[in-house]
Every structure is written in structure tokens, then in C-alpha cells.
Amino acid sequence: MTELALLLIAAYLIGSISFAIVISRLYGLPDPRGHGSGNPGATNVLRTGRKSAAALTLLGDALKGVAAVLLARWASEAWGLPGYAPYLAALAVFLGHLFPVFFGFQGGKGVATALGVLLALNLGVGLACAATWLLMFALTRVSSLSALVAAALAPLYGYWLVGGAAETALLVVLSAMVLARHHGNIRRLIRGEEAVFKKRS
């Protein structure tokens, strides 16, 4: 099981690369942990007005989820690891994003990384979650609410499109962690204080 442990460590370290912080430094922007919501994620980077920085953050955080799963699939074939290895790697990269060792364990909320993981594990589930986020955002213009709805529906999409016990269990865990990381947003939504992205005329 040494190979599996090495794989999970690698996945966690990949997840620990906080693109919100890295991209902000490259752009000369404020540390995302020190302004706005304080969350190192694409939405908070977008609050600086630099759309390209926010887009790169979103892309980077999603791609690291994809990379960890693809690495696990390669390792499973090369090292003869059990079939559930990609699911454990998916969880490890997600935990790396939430608690990055490189940045004082102050991570983001995991929406983009979770999406990357889902796209790599099962394209249909990933696309269904992405479509849900886009539809909710088009209707409400509230990023956090869109993420919460997509996360809540992810296990149902997994059960419907995949049906496997391991896959559904992973989606339940990921969904629960995304919802837990949005506890502050949930309170603001209940109070009607959550930020709304206004359309530009």
C-alpha cells in the first residue's frame, strides 16, 4: 500500500496549490484571504475587477482536480492499485484545496476543484453540476447559492448517471464538505445579505 499512500500524498499536494493566491501574486493583486469574503477562490478574485485573473483561478483550481484523478488512473494501471484509488485521490486533492499545506491550511471552499474532480471521474455528472450552477446563477446572480444547489444535487446526479456505491458515497462526502464550507454564505442567504452579481448594462 506504499504506492497508494504516495499517490494520496501527491494528490493532496496538488490540491494545496492555491491558484487564487498564486494568480493574485502574479497579477500584483491583494491576497484574496485579506479582502472581500476572505476566501481564496475565483469569486473573491473577481471582486478585484480582474476578470482574467478570476478566470485563471477558476481554471487552475478545476484542472488540479482533473490532474489528481488522471494521475490516480495512471497509477492504478502502472502500479496495480485498487479500483477505488481515483476516488481516494479525488478526496485527497479536495482536502488539499480546503487545507493547503503551502498556505497555512487556509484554503477555499472547493467548488471549482470539486467540479474538476467530477468531470474527470464521470463527465456526465460533472456537466450536470456545471449546468445546474450556470442555470441557478442566470436566475439568481448569486454565486454561493448556485454552488450550494449544484453541490446538493451532485449525489443525485451520481446515483442517477452512475449508480455505484463508491461513486455515490464520494459525492455525498464532497457535497457535505462543500455545504459545510459555505456555512457563512448560508447564514447570509437566510438573512438576505448575500452578495448579488449585477448585470452590466
C-alpha atoms as a PDB file:
ATOM      1  CA  MET A   1       0.000   0.000   0.000  1.00  0.00           C
ATOM      2  CA  THR A   2       3.049   2.281  -0.115  1.00  0.00           C
ATOM      3  CA  GLU A   3       2.195   3.267  -3.692  1.00  0.00           C
ATOM      4  CA  LEU A   4      -1.344   4.208  -2.687  1.00  0.00           C
ATOM      5  CA  ALA A   5      -0.028   6.370   0.157  1.00  0.00           C
ATOM      6  CA  LEU A   6       2.370   8.131  -2.225  1.00  0.00           C
ATOM      7  CA  LEU A   7      -0.487   8.732  -4.656  1.00  0.00           C
ATOM      8  CA  LEU A   8      -2.681  10.280  -1.983  1.00  0.00           C
ATOM      9  CA  ILE A   9       0.148  12.499  -0.743  1.00  0.00           C
ATOM     10  CA  ALA A  10       0.766  13.659  -4.325  1.00  0.00           C
ATOM     11  CA  ALA A  11      -2.945  14.375  -4.814  1.00  0.00           C
ATOM     12  CA  TYR A  12      -3.073  16.349  -1.573  1.00  0.00           C
ATOM     13  CA  LEU A  13      -0.027  18.406  -2.573  1.00  0.00           C
ATOM     14  CA  ILE A  14      -1.584  19.126  -5.974  1.00  0.00           C
ATOM     15  CA  GLY A  15      -4.704  20.315  -4.182  1.00  0.00           C
ATOM     16  CA  SER A  16      -2.597  22.508  -1.900  1.00  0.00           C
ATOM     17  CA  ILE A  17      -1.638  24.757  -4.825  1.00  0.00           C
ATOM     18  CA  SER A  18      -3.984  27.694  -4.203  1.00  0.00           C
ATOM     19  CA  PHE A  19      -4.363  29.327  -7.597  1.00  0.00           C
ATOM     20  CA  ALA A  20      -6.263  32.281  -6.121  1.00  0.00           C
ATOM     21  CA  ILE A  21      -3.185  33.225  -4.123  1.00  0.00           C
ATOM     22  CA  VAL A  22      -0.667  32.351  -6.847  1.00  0.00           C
ATOM     23  CA  ILE A  23      -2.529  34.222  -9.599  1.00  0.00           C
ATOM     24  CA  SER A  24      -3.159  37.217  -7.333  1.00  0.00           C
ATOM     25  CA  ARG A  25       0.564  37.483  -6.618  1.00  0.00           C
ATOM     26  CA  LEU A  26       1.407  37.226 -10.313  1.00  0.00           C
ATOM     27  CA  TYR A  27      -1.102  39.986 -11.107  1.00  0.00           C
ATOM     28  CA  GLY A  28       0.022  42.148  -8.192  1.00  0.00           C
ATOM     29  CA  LEU A  29      -3.420  41.909  -6.601  1.00  0.00           C
ATOM     30  CA  PRO A  30      -4.189  41.831  -2.863  1.00  0.00           C
ATOM     31  CA  ASP A  31      -4.076  38.481  -1.089  1.00  0.00           C
ATOM     32  CA  PRO A  32      -7.629  37.109  -1.522  1.00  0.00           C
ATOM     33  CA  ARG A  33      -7.598  35.993   2.110  1.00  0.00           C
ATOM     34  CA  GLY A  34      -7.395  39.620   3.204  1.00  0.00           C
ATOM     35  CA  HIS A  35     -10.239  41.279   1.298  1.00  0.00           C
ATOM     36  CA  GLY A  36     -13.837  40.710   0.265  1.00  0.00           C
ATOM     37  CA  SER A  37     -15.115  37.415   1.643  1.00  0.00           C
ATOM     38  CA  GLY A  38     -11.613  36.356   2.673  1.00  0.00           C
ATOM     39  CA  ASN A  39     -11.995  33.203   0.623  1.00  0.00           C
ATOM     40  CA  PRO A  40      -9.121  32.257  -1.719  1.00  0.00           C
ATOM     41  CA  GLY A  41     -11.286  31.433  -4.697  1.00  0.00           C
ATOM     42  CA  ALA A  42     -12.232  32.698  -8.131  1.00  0.00           C
ATOM     43  CA  THR A  43     -15.275  34.643  -6.945  1.00  0.00           C
ATOM     44  CA  ASN A  44     -13.241  36.679  -4.480  1.00  0.00           C
ATOM     45  CA  VAL A  45     -10.514  37.306  -7.055  1.00  0.00           C
ATOM     46  CA  LEU A  46     -13.249  38.579  -9.384  1.00  0.00           C
ATOM     47  CA  ARG A  47     -14.096  41.235  -6.786  1.00  0.00           C
ATOM     48  CA  THR A  48     -10.806  42.948  -7.665  1.00  0.00           C
ATOM     49  CA  GLY A  49     -12.202  43.618 -11.133  1.00  0.00           C
ATOM     50  CA  ARG A  50      -9.615  41.463 -12.910  1.00  0.00           C
ATOM     51  CA  LYS A  51     -11.739  39.002 -14.863  1.00  0.00           C
ATOM     52  CA  SER A  52      -8.728  37.304 -16.435  1.00  0.00           C
ATOM     53  CA  ALA A  53      -7.228  36.631 -13.001  1.00  0.00           C
ATOM     54  CA  ALA A  54     -10.522  35.173 -11.799  1.00  0.00           C
ATOM     55  CA  ALA A  55     -10.813  33.005 -14.918  1.00  0.00           C
ATOM     56  CA  LEU A  56      -7.284  31.655 -14.479  1.00  0.00           C
ATOM     57  CA  THR A  57      -8.022  30.917 -10.824  1.00  0.00           C
ATOM     58  CA  LEU A  58     -11.166  29.018 -11.744  1.00  0.00           C
ATOM     59  CA  LEU A  59      -9.368  27.090 -14.465  1.00  0.00           C
ATOM     60  CA  GLY A  60      -6.385  26.251 -12.269  1.00  0.00           C
ATOM     61  CA  ASP A  61      -8.480  25.062  -9.346  1.00  0.00           C
ATOM     62  CA  ALA A  62     -10.595  22.880 -11.635  1.00  0.00           C
ATOM     63  CA  LEU A  63      -7.628  21.441 -13.528  1.00  0.00           C
ATOM     64  CA  LYS A  64      -5.866  20.332 -10.372  1.00  0.00           C
ATOM     65  CA  GLY A  65      -8.905  18.195  -9.590  1.00  0.00           C
ATOM     66  CA  VAL A  66      -8.736  16.716 -13.071  1.00  0.00           C
ATOM     67  CA  ALA A  67      -4.980  16.162 -12.779  1.00  0.00           C
ATOM     68  CA  ALA A  68      -5.244  14.274  -9.496  1.00  0.00           C
ATOM     69  CA  VAL A  69      -7.864  11.874 -10.837  1.00  0.00           C
ATOM     70  CA  LEU A  70      -5.965  11.275 -14.087  1.00  0.00           C
ATOM     71  CA  LEU A  71      -2.766  10.670 -12.105  1.00  0.00           C
ATOM     72  CA  ALA A  72      -4.617   8.141  -9.961  1.00  0.00           C
ATOM     73  CA  ARG A  73      -5.925   6.310 -13.006  1.00  0.00           C
ATOM     74  CA  TRP A  74      -2.440   6.118 -14.464  1.00  0.00           C
ATOM     75  CA  ALA A  75      -1.017   4.926 -11.145  1.00  0.00           C
ATOM     76  CA  SER A  76      -3.767   2.333 -10.809  1.00  0.00           C
ATOM     77  CA  GLU A  77      -2.729   0.769 -14.094  1.00  0.00           C
ATOM     78  CA  ALA A  78       1.029   1.180 -13.643  1.00  0.00           C
ATOM     79  CA  TRP A  79       1.198   0.065 -10.012  1.00  0.00           C
ATOM     80  CA  GLY A  80      -1.790  -2.250  -9.852  1.00  0.00           C
ATOM     81  CA  LEU A  81      -3.662  -0.137  -7.316  1.00  0.00           C
ATOM     82  CA  PRO A  82      -7.260  -0.962  -6.363  1.00  0.00           C
ATOM     83  CA  GLY A  83     -10.080   0.396  -8.499  1.00  0.00           C
ATOM     84  CA  TYR A  84     -11.178   2.846  -5.828  1.00  0.00           C
ATOM     85  CA  ALA A  85      -7.811   4.663  -5.887  1.00  0.00           C
ATOM     86  CA  PRO A  86      -9.092   7.504  -8.136  1.00  0.00           C
ATOM     87  CA  TYR A  87     -11.900   8.178  -5.662  1.00  0.00           C
ATOM     88  CA  LEU A  88      -9.479   8.402  -2.757  1.00  0.00           C
ATOM     89  CA  ALA A  89      -7.253  10.687  -4.838  1.00  0.00           C
ATOM     90  CA  ALA A  90     -10.295  12.845  -5.615  1.00  0.00           C
ATOM     91  CA  LEU A  91     -10.931  13.225  -1.901  1.00  0.00           C
ATOM     92  CA  ALA A  92      -7.239  13.931  -1.204  1.00  0.00           C
ATOM     93  CA  VAL A  93      -6.958  16.713  -3.796  1.00  0.00           C
ATOM     94  CA  PHE A  94     -10.169  18.240  -2.498  1.00  0.00           C
ATOM     95  CA  LEU A  95      -8.857  18.212   1.077  1.00  0.00           C
ATOM     96  CA  GLY A  96      -5.630  19.764  -0.200  1.00  0.00           C
ATOM     97  CA  HIS A  97      -7.631  22.646  -1.638  1.00  0.00           C
ATOM     98  CA  LEU A  98      -9.569  23.128   1.593  1.00  0.00           C
ATOM     99  CA  PHE A  99      -6.493  22.843   3.822  1.00  0.00           C
ATOM    100  CA  PRO A 100      -3.411  23.692   1.707  1.00  0.00           C
ATOM    101  CA  VAL A 101      -0.131  22.892   3.421  1.00  0.00           C
ATOM    102  CA  PHE A 102       1.643  25.569   1.357  1.00  0.00           C
ATOM    103  CA  PHE A 103      -0.610  28.398   2.572  1.00  0.00           C
ATOM    104  CA  GLY A 104      -1.126  27.843   6.267  1.00  0.00           C
ATOM    105  CA  PHE A 105      -4.062  25.467   5.740  1.00  0.00           C
ATOM    106  CA  GLN A 106      -6.248  28.430   4.752  1.00  0.00           C
ATOM    107  CA  GLY A 107      -7.986  27.128   1.664  1.00  0.00           C
ATOM    108  CA  GLY A 108     -11.025  27.843  -0.437  1.00  0.00           C
ATOM    109  CA  LYS A 109     -14.490  26.383  -0.498  1.00  0.00           C
ATOM    110  CA  GLY A 110     -13.709  23.764  -3.111  1.00  0.00           C
ATOM    111  CA  VAL A 111     -16.366  24.378  -5.755  1.00  0.00           C
ATOM    112  CA  ALA A 112     -14.035  24.571  -8.773  1.00  0.00           C
ATOM    113  CA  THR A 113     -11.847  21.699  -7.573  1.00  0.00           C
ATOM    114  CA  ALA A 114     -14.913  19.554  -6.894  1.00  0.00           C
ATOM    115  CA  LEU A 115     -16.130  20.298 -10.416  1.00  0.00           C
ATOM    116  CA  GLY A 116     -12.771  19.252 -11.876  1.00  0.00           C
ATOM    117  CA  VAL A 117     -12.881  16.027  -9.871  1.00  0.00           C
ATOM    118  CA  LEU A 118     -16.400  15.260 -11.071  1.00  0.00           C
ATOM    119  CA  LEU A 119     -15.578  15.975 -14.717  1.00  0.00           C
ATOM    120  CA  ALA A 120     -12.622  13.592 -14.527  1.00  0.00           C
ATOM    121  CA  LEU A 121     -14.465  10.833 -12.671  1.00  0.00           C
ATOM    122  CA  ASN A 122     -17.643  10.992 -14.746  1.00  0.00           C
ATOM    123  CA  LEU A 123     -18.144  13.583 -17.467  1.00  0.00           C
ATOM    124  CA  GLY A 124     -21.943  13.363 -17.297  1.00  0.00           C
ATOM    125  CA  VAL A 125     -22.086  14.106 -13.580  1.00  0.00           C
ATOM    126  CA  GLY A 126     -19.617  16.969 -13.941  1.00  0.00           C
ATOM    127  CA  LEU A 127     -21.539  18.540 -16.799  1.00  0.00           C
ATOM    128  CA  ALA A 128     -24.835  18.172 -14.941  1.00  0.00           C
ATOM    129  CA  CYS A 129     -23.391  20.010 -11.936  1.00  0.00           C
ATOM    130  CA  ALA A 130     -21.891  22.722 -14.154  1.00  0.00           C
ATOM    131  CA  ALA A 131     -25.221  23.182 -15.950  1.00  0.00           C
ATOM    132  CA  THR A 132     -27.014  23.442 -12.604  1.00  0.00           C
ATOM    133  CA  TRP A 133     -24.613  26.148 -11.411  1.00  0.00           C
ATOM    134  CA  LEU A 134     -25.000  28.113 -14.649  1.00  0.00           C
ATOM    135  CA  LEU A 135     -28.802  27.881 -14.578  1.00  0.00           C
ATOM    136  CA  MET A 136     -29.035  28.936 -10.936  1.00  0.00           C
ATOM    137  CA  PHE A 137     -26.607  31.809 -11.465  1.00  0.00           C
ATOM    138  CA  ALA A 138     -28.545  33.016 -14.503  1.00  0.00           C
ATOM    139  CA  LEU A 139     -31.717  33.019 -12.408  1.00  0.00           C
ATOM    140  CA  THR A 140     -30.373  34.440  -9.134  1.00  0.00           C
ATOM    141  CA  ARG A 141     -26.975  36.086  -9.866  1.00  0.00           C
ATOM    142  CA  VAL A 142     -25.823  34.640  -6.514  1.00  0.00           C
ATOM    143  CA  SER A 143     -22.659  32.551  -6.857  1.00  0.00           C
ATOM    144  CA  SER A 144     -22.871  30.871  -3.456  1.00  0.00           C
ATOM    145  CA  LEU A 145     -26.491  29.807  -3.891  1.00  0.00           C
ATOM    146  CA  SER A 146     -25.660  28.372  -7.306  1.00  0.00           C
ATOM    147  CA  ALA A 147     -22.787  26.368  -5.786  1.00  0.00           C
ATOM    148  CA  LEU A 148     -24.955  25.127  -2.922  1.00  0.00           C
ATOM    149  CA  VAL A 149     -27.692  23.875  -5.227  1.00  0.00           C
ATOM    150  CA  ALA A 150     -25.191  22.174  -7.553  1.00  0.00           C
ATOM    151  CA  ALA A 151     -23.440  20.538  -4.606  1.00  0.00           C
ATOM    152  CA  ALA A 152     -26.700  19.344  -3.080  1.00  0.00           C
ATOM    153  CA  LEU A 153     -27.790  17.756  -6.365  1.00  0.00           C
ATOM    154  CA  ALA A 154     -24.414  16.129  -7.148  1.00  0.00           C
ATOM    155  CA  PRO A 155     -25.132  12.877  -5.236  1.00  0.00           C
ATOM    156  CA  LEU A 156     -28.478  12.558  -7.010  1.00  0.00           C
ATOM    157  CA  TYR A 157     -26.813  13.049 -10.385  1.00  0.00           C
ATOM    158  CA  GLY A 158     -24.223  10.445  -9.435  1.00  0.00           C
ATOM    159  CA  TYR A 159     -26.827   7.919  -8.346  1.00  0.00           C
ATOM    160  CA  TRP A 160     -28.844   8.517 -11.495  1.00  0.00           C
ATOM    161  CA  LEU A 161     -25.987   8.528 -14.022  1.00  0.00           C
ATOM    162  CA  VAL A 162     -23.510   6.143 -12.365  1.00  0.00           C
ATOM    163  CA  GLY A 163     -25.300   4.288  -9.611  1.00  0.00           C
ATOM    164  CA  GLY A 164     -22.215   2.767  -7.977  1.00  0.00           C
ATOM    165  CA  ALA A 165     -21.977   2.740  -4.197  1.00  0.00           C
ATOM    166  CA  ALA A 166     -18.395   4.071  -4.115  1.00  0.00           C
ATOM    167  CA  GLU A 167     -19.182   6.868  -6.563  1.00  0.00           C
ATOM    168  CA  THR A 168     -22.320   7.931  -4.715  1.00  0.00           C
ATOM    169  CA  ALA A 169     -20.558   7.810  -1.341  1.00  0.00           C
ATOM    170  CA  LEU A 170     -17.773  10.051  -2.636  1.00  0.00           C
ATOM    171  CA  LEU A 171     -20.298  12.535  -3.993  1.00  0.00           C
ATOM    172  CA  VAL A 172     -22.122  12.604  -0.650  1.00  0.00           C
ATOM    173  CA  VAL A 173     -18.845  13.358   1.160  1.00  0.00           C
ATOM    174  CA  LEU A 174     -17.780  16.044  -1.336  1.00  0.00           C
ATOM    175  CA  SER A 175     -21.231  17.608  -1.281  1.00  0.00           C
ATOM    176  CA  ALA A 176     -21.308  17.660   2.518  1.00  0.00           C
ATOM    177  CA  MET A 177     -17.893  19.336   2.696  1.00  0.00           C
ATOM    178  CA  VAL A 178     -18.827  21.980   0.113  1.00  0.00           C
ATOM    179  CA  LEU A 179     -22.025  22.738   2.028  1.00  0.00           C
ATOM    180  CA  ALA A 180     -20.111  22.904   5.314  1.00  0.00           C
ATOM    181  CA  ARG A 181     -17.559  25.330   3.847  1.00  0.00           C
ATOM    182  CA  HIS A 182     -20.428  27.605   2.819  1.00  0.00           C
ATOM    183  CA  HIS A 183     -21.882  27.900   6.331  1.00  0.00           C
ATOM    184  CA  GLY A 184     -21.293  31.650   6.369  1.00  0.00           C
ATOM    185  CA  ASN A 185     -22.929  32.058   2.979  1.00  0.00           C
ATOM    186  CA  ILE A 186     -25.923  30.034   4.139  1.00  0.00           C
ATOM    187  CA  ARG A 187     -26.405  32.347   7.112  1.00  0.00           C
ATOM    188  CA  ARG A 188     -26.182  35.409   4.858  1.00  0.00           C
ATOM    189  CA  LEU A 189     -28.634  33.866   2.401  1.00  0.00           C
ATOM    190  CA  ILE A 190     -31.119  33.299   5.210  1.00  0.00           C
ATOM    191  CA  ARG A 191     -30.710  36.941   6.311  1.00  0.00           C
ATOM    192  CA  GLY A 192     -30.926  38.164   2.706  1.00  0.00           C
ATOM    193  CA  GLU A 193     -27.447  39.679   2.885  1.00  0.00           C
ATOM    194  CA  GLU A 194     -25.561  37.554   0.364  1.00  0.00           C
ATOM    195  CA  ALA A 195     -23.760  39.359  -2.464  1.00  0.00           C
ATOM    196  CA  VAL A 196     -25.507  39.516  -5.828  1.00  0.00           C
ATOM    197  CA  PHE A 197     -23.523  39.959  -9.046  1.00  0.00           C
ATOM    198  CA  LYS A 198     -25.322  42.627 -11.018  1.00  0.00           C
ATOM    199  CA  LYS A 199     -25.577  42.508 -14.790  1.00  0.00           C
ATOM    200  CA  ARG A 200     -23.714  45.266 -16.570  1.00  0.00           C
ATOM    201  CA  SER A 201     -25.768  47.379 -18.930  1.00  0.00           C
END
